[in-house]
Amino acid sequence: MEPLTAEEQLTLKTGAFGAVFLVSNADPGMLAMVRESIAASGALDAASGVVKQALTTGPLPQLSRDSALEIESVVLAALGRAVEILRAKSPADLDAYRSVVLAAADRVAEVHRGVVPAEAAVIERIRSALAEPA
């Protein structure tokens, strides 16, 4: 297993935190945001090894607030890149990363009025970004 660079760790973090942000934004609400962030942090805390190190160290990712589509394209690209990074450097951690990101996204969606169609659509796009390329 090769250690991840700071840039690679930030890519994993951008994908994971960005996924939570996308699901949260799919069905916005101020009180919901607080509950959602608590639910997501519980899922992210469950990470271990390389994934935990990437998600808990270094700077927080900076997501542009300009456009929801721009944010989504950055996040989905980061998730795809994270899969490539882990496959190359730490294949044993790839499933853990997928599980943590999807668990956080699911928890965020469920915590406020259950999963609405907009959240389900975002989670499906996240799941696709995390999938193995055909």
C-alpha atoms as a PDB file:
ATOM      1  CA  MET A   1       0.000   0.000   0.000  1.00  0.00           C
ATOM      2  CA  GLU A   2       1.399   3.343  -1.073  1.00  0.00           C
ATOM      3  CA  PRO A   3       0.584   6.377   1.108  1.00  0.00           C
ATOM      4  CA  LEU A   4      -1.775   8.953  -0.358  1.00  0.00           C
ATOM      5  CA  THR A   5      -0.485  12.424  -1.185  1.00  0.00           C
ATOM      6  CA  ALA A   6      -2.168  15.462   0.386  1.00  0.00           C
ATOM      7  CA  GLU A   7      -3.816  16.163  -2.972  1.00  0.00           C
ATOM      8  CA  GLU A   8      -5.162  12.603  -3.181  1.00  0.00           C
ATOM      9  CA  GLN A   9      -6.496  12.827   0.376  1.00  0.00           C
ATOM     10  CA  LEU A  10      -8.246  16.075  -0.546  1.00  0.00           C
ATOM     11  CA  THR A  11      -9.803  14.330  -3.569  1.00  0.00           C
ATOM     12  CA  LEU A  12     -11.240  11.602  -1.324  1.00  0.00           C
ATOM     13  CA  LYS A  13     -12.485  14.231   1.105  1.00  0.00           C
ATOM     14  CA  THR A  14     -13.999  16.370  -1.663  1.00  0.00           C
ATOM     15  CA  GLY A  15     -15.902  13.351  -2.956  1.00  0.00           C
ATOM     16  CA  ALA A  16     -17.186  12.272   0.456  1.00  0.00           C
ATOM     17  CA  PHE A  17     -18.085  15.692   1.868  1.00  0.00           C
ATOM     18  CA  GLY A  18     -19.362  16.823  -1.520  1.00  0.00           C
ATOM     19  CA  ALA A  19     -21.679  13.815  -1.762  1.00  0.00           C
ATOM     20  CA  VAL A  20     -23.205  14.751   1.594  1.00  0.00           C
ATOM     21  CA  PHE A  21     -23.569  18.367   0.413  1.00  0.00           C
ATOM     22  CA  LEU A  22     -25.313  17.297  -2.818  1.00  0.00           C
ATOM     23  CA  VAL A  23     -27.857  15.141  -0.997  1.00  0.00           C
ATOM     24  CA  SER A  24     -28.456  17.849   1.601  1.00  0.00           C
ATOM     25  CA  ASN A  25     -28.964  20.445  -1.133  1.00  0.00           C
ATOM     26  CA  ALA A  26     -31.424  18.221  -3.006  1.00  0.00           C
ATOM     27  CA  ASP A  27     -34.008  18.888  -0.260  1.00  0.00           C
ATOM     28  CA  PRO A  28     -32.831  22.034   1.563  1.00  0.00           C
ATOM     29  CA  GLY A  29     -33.969  23.350   4.925  1.00  0.00           C
ATOM     30  CA  MET A  30     -32.073  25.075   7.743  1.00  0.00           C
ATOM     31  CA  LEU A  31     -33.047  22.757  10.615  1.00  0.00           C
ATOM     32  CA  ALA A  32     -32.628  19.776   8.318  1.00  0.00           C
ATOM     33  CA  MET A  33     -29.055  20.871   7.535  1.00  0.00           C
ATOM     34  CA  VAL A  34     -28.065  20.615  11.196  1.00  0.00           C
ATOM     35  CA  ARG A  35     -29.602  17.158  11.578  1.00  0.00           C
ATOM     36  CA  GLU A  36     -28.114  16.064   8.264  1.00  0.00           C
ATOM     37  CA  SER A  37     -24.587  17.154   9.160  1.00  0.00           C
ATOM     38  CA  ILE A  38     -24.792  15.228  12.443  1.00  0.00           C
ATOM     39  CA  ALA A  39     -26.063  12.124  10.614  1.00  0.00           C
ATOM     40  CA  ALA A  40     -23.329  12.400   7.979  1.00  0.00           C
ATOM     41  CA  SER A  41     -20.541  12.878  10.504  1.00  0.00           C
ATOM     42  CA  GLY A  42     -21.639   9.688  12.260  1.00  0.00           C
ATOM     43  CA  ALA A  43     -21.245   7.756   9.015  1.00  0.00           C
ATOM     44  CA  LEU A  44     -17.930   9.422   8.139  1.00  0.00           C
ATOM     45  CA  ASP A  45     -16.594   8.675  11.631  1.00  0.00           C
ATOM     46  CA  ALA A  46     -17.101   4.965  10.932  1.00  0.00           C
ATOM     47  CA  ALA A  47     -14.277   5.059   8.374  1.00  0.00           C
ATOM     48  CA  SER A  48     -10.964   3.382   9.119  1.00  0.00           C
ATOM     49  CA  GLY A  49      -7.447   3.114   7.740  1.00  0.00           C
ATOM     50  CA  VAL A  50      -6.507   5.206   4.713  1.00  0.00           C
ATOM     51  CA  VAL A  51     -10.100   6.387   4.272  1.00  0.00           C
ATOM     52  CA  LYS A  52     -10.359   7.689   7.844  1.00  0.00           C
ATOM     53  CA  GLN A  53      -7.013   9.444   7.533  1.00  0.00           C
ATOM     54  CA  ALA A  54      -8.084  11.119   4.280  1.00  0.00           C
ATOM     55  CA  LEU A  55     -11.433  12.254   5.714  1.00  0.00           C
ATOM     56  CA  THR A  56     -10.143  13.503   9.068  1.00  0.00           C
ATOM     57  CA  THR A  57      -6.845  15.237   8.264  1.00  0.00           C
ATOM     58  CA  GLY A  58      -5.869  18.221   6.179  1.00  0.00           C
ATOM     59  CA  PRO A  59      -7.973  21.113   4.940  1.00  0.00           C
ATOM     60  CA  LEU A  60     -11.673  20.963   4.217  1.00  0.00           C
ATOM     61  CA  PRO A  61     -12.582  20.902   0.538  1.00  0.00           C
ATOM     62  CA  GLN A  62     -13.625  24.215  -0.991  1.00  0.00           C
ATOM     63  CA  LEU A  63     -16.717  23.829  -3.142  1.00  0.00           C
ATOM     64  CA  SER A  64     -17.726  26.716  -5.376  1.00  0.00           C
ATOM     65  CA  ARG A  65     -21.142  28.114  -4.497  1.00  0.00           C
ATOM     66  CA  ASP A  66     -21.728  29.405  -8.024  1.00  0.00           C
ATOM     67  CA  SER A  67     -23.906  26.703  -9.491  1.00  0.00           C
ATOM     68  CA  ALA A  68     -25.414  23.466  -8.244  1.00  0.00           C
ATOM     69  CA  LEU A  69     -24.521  21.763 -11.538  1.00  0.00           C
ATOM     70  CA  GLU A  70     -20.916  22.918 -11.277  1.00  0.00           C
ATOM     71  CA  ILE A  71     -20.676  21.615  -7.700  1.00  0.00           C
ATOM     72  CA  GLU A  72     -22.192  18.301  -8.746  1.00  0.00           C
ATOM     73  CA  SER A  73     -19.757  17.883 -11.639  1.00  0.00           C
ATOM     74  CA  VAL A  74     -16.787  18.620  -9.344  1.00  0.00           C
ATOM     75  CA  VAL A  75     -18.029  16.195  -6.669  1.00  0.00           C
ATOM     76  CA  LEU A  76     -18.876  13.355  -9.068  1.00  0.00           C
ATOM     77  CA  ALA A  77     -15.486  13.762 -10.769  1.00  0.00           C
ATOM     78  CA  ALA A  78     -13.776  13.670  -7.335  1.00  0.00           C
ATOM     79  CA  LEU A  79     -15.636  10.461  -6.460  1.00  0.00           C
ATOM     80  CA  GLY A  80     -14.547   8.837  -9.722  1.00  0.00           C
ATOM     81  CA  ARG A  81     -10.965   9.979  -9.174  1.00  0.00           C
ATOM     82  CA  ALA A  82     -11.068   8.703  -5.559  1.00  0.00           C
ATOM     83  CA  VAL A  83     -12.007   5.248  -6.873  1.00  0.00           C
ATOM     84  CA  GLU A  84      -9.027   5.360  -9.271  1.00  0.00           C
ATOM     85  CA  ILE A  85      -6.656   6.529  -6.511  1.00  0.00           C
ATOM     86  CA  LEU A  86      -7.743   3.802  -4.095  1.00  0.00           C
ATOM     87  CA  ARG A  87      -7.723   1.102  -6.771  1.00  0.00           C
ATOM     88  CA  ALA A  88      -4.104   2.027  -7.588  1.00  0.00           C
ATOM     89  CA  LYS A  89      -2.730   2.736  -4.122  1.00  0.00           C
ATOM     90  CA  SER A  90      -4.905   0.985  -1.546  1.00  0.00           C
ATOM     91  CA  PRO A  91      -7.361  -1.453  -3.166  1.00  0.00           C
ATOM     92  CA  ALA A  92      -8.287  -2.951   0.210  1.00  0.00           C
ATOM     93  CA  ASP A  93      -9.817   0.417   1.200  1.00  0.00           C
ATOM     94  CA  LEU A  94     -11.931   0.942  -1.930  1.00  0.00           C
ATOM     95  CA  ASP A  95     -15.050  -0.836  -0.666  1.00  0.00           C
ATOM     96  CA  ALA A  96     -14.753   0.960   2.678  1.00  0.00           C
ATOM     97  CA  TYR A  97     -14.688   4.337   0.913  1.00  0.00           C
ATOM     98  CA  ARG A  98     -17.742   3.456  -1.186  1.00  0.00           C
ATOM     99  CA  SER A  99     -19.592   2.220   1.908  1.00  0.00           C
ATOM    100  CA  VAL A 100     -18.784   5.297   3.993  1.00  0.00           C
ATOM    101  CA  VAL A 101     -19.797   7.754   1.244  1.00  0.00           C
ATOM    102  CA  LEU A 102     -23.050   5.931   0.466  1.00  0.00           C
ATOM    103  CA  ALA A 103     -23.902   5.469   4.158  1.00  0.00           C
ATOM    104  CA  ALA A 104     -23.387   9.191   4.780  1.00  0.00           C
ATOM    105  CA  ALA A 105     -25.504  10.095   1.728  1.00  0.00           C
ATOM    106  CA  ASP A 106     -28.275   7.691   2.797  1.00  0.00           C
ATOM    107  CA  ARG A 107     -28.287   8.981   6.388  1.00  0.00           C
ATOM    108  CA  VAL A 108     -28.528  12.577   5.209  1.00  0.00           C
ATOM    109  CA  ALA A 109     -31.458  11.716   2.944  1.00  0.00           C
ATOM    110  CA  GLU A 110     -33.347   9.740   5.597  1.00  0.00           C
ATOM    111  CA  VAL A 111     -32.969  12.123   8.527  1.00  0.00           C
ATOM    112  CA  HIS A 112     -35.374  14.784   7.231  1.00  0.00           C
ATOM    113  CA  ARG A 113     -38.807  13.538   6.090  1.00  0.00           C
ATOM    114  CA  GLY A 114     -37.348  10.353   4.596  1.00  0.00           C
ATOM    115  CA  VAL A 115     -35.783  10.067   1.162  1.00  0.00           C
ATOM    116  CA  VAL A 116     -37.477  12.307  -1.402  1.00  0.00           C
ATOM    117  CA  PRO A 117     -37.162  11.679  -5.168  1.00  0.00           C
ATOM    118  CA  ALA A 118     -34.606  14.487  -5.668  1.00  0.00           C
ATOM    119  CA  GLU A 119     -32.359  12.952  -2.981  1.00  0.00           C
ATOM    120  CA  ALA A 120     -32.780   9.452  -4.431  1.00  0.00           C
ATOM    121  CA  ALA A 121     -31.709  10.773  -7.849  1.00  0.00           C
ATOM    122  CA  VAL A 122     -28.591  12.409  -6.389  1.00  0.00           C
ATOM    123  CA  ILE A 123     -27.695   9.239  -4.449  1.00  0.00           C
ATOM    124  CA  GLU A 124     -28.016   7.230  -7.683  1.00  0.00           C
ATOM    125  CA  ARG A 125     -25.585   9.618  -9.424  1.00  0.00           C
ATOM    126  CA  ILE A 126     -23.190   9.274  -6.461  1.00  0.00           C
ATOM    127  CA  ARG A 127     -23.489   5.475  -6.630  1.00  0.00           C
ATOM    128  CA  SER A 128     -22.723   5.576 -10.383  1.00  0.00           C
ATOM    129  CA  ALA A 129     -19.655   7.781  -9.797  1.00  0.00           C
ATOM    130  CA  LEU A 130     -18.370   5.249  -7.250  1.00  0.00           C
ATOM    131  CA  ALA A 131     -18.955   2.251  -9.542  1.00  0.00           C
ATOM    132  CA  GLU A 132     -16.207   0.372 -11.339  1.00  0.00           C
ATOM    133  CA  PRO A 133     -15.826   1.568 -14.924  1.00  0.00           C
ATOM    134  CA  ALA A 134     -17.274  -0.828 -17.471  1.00  0.00           C
END
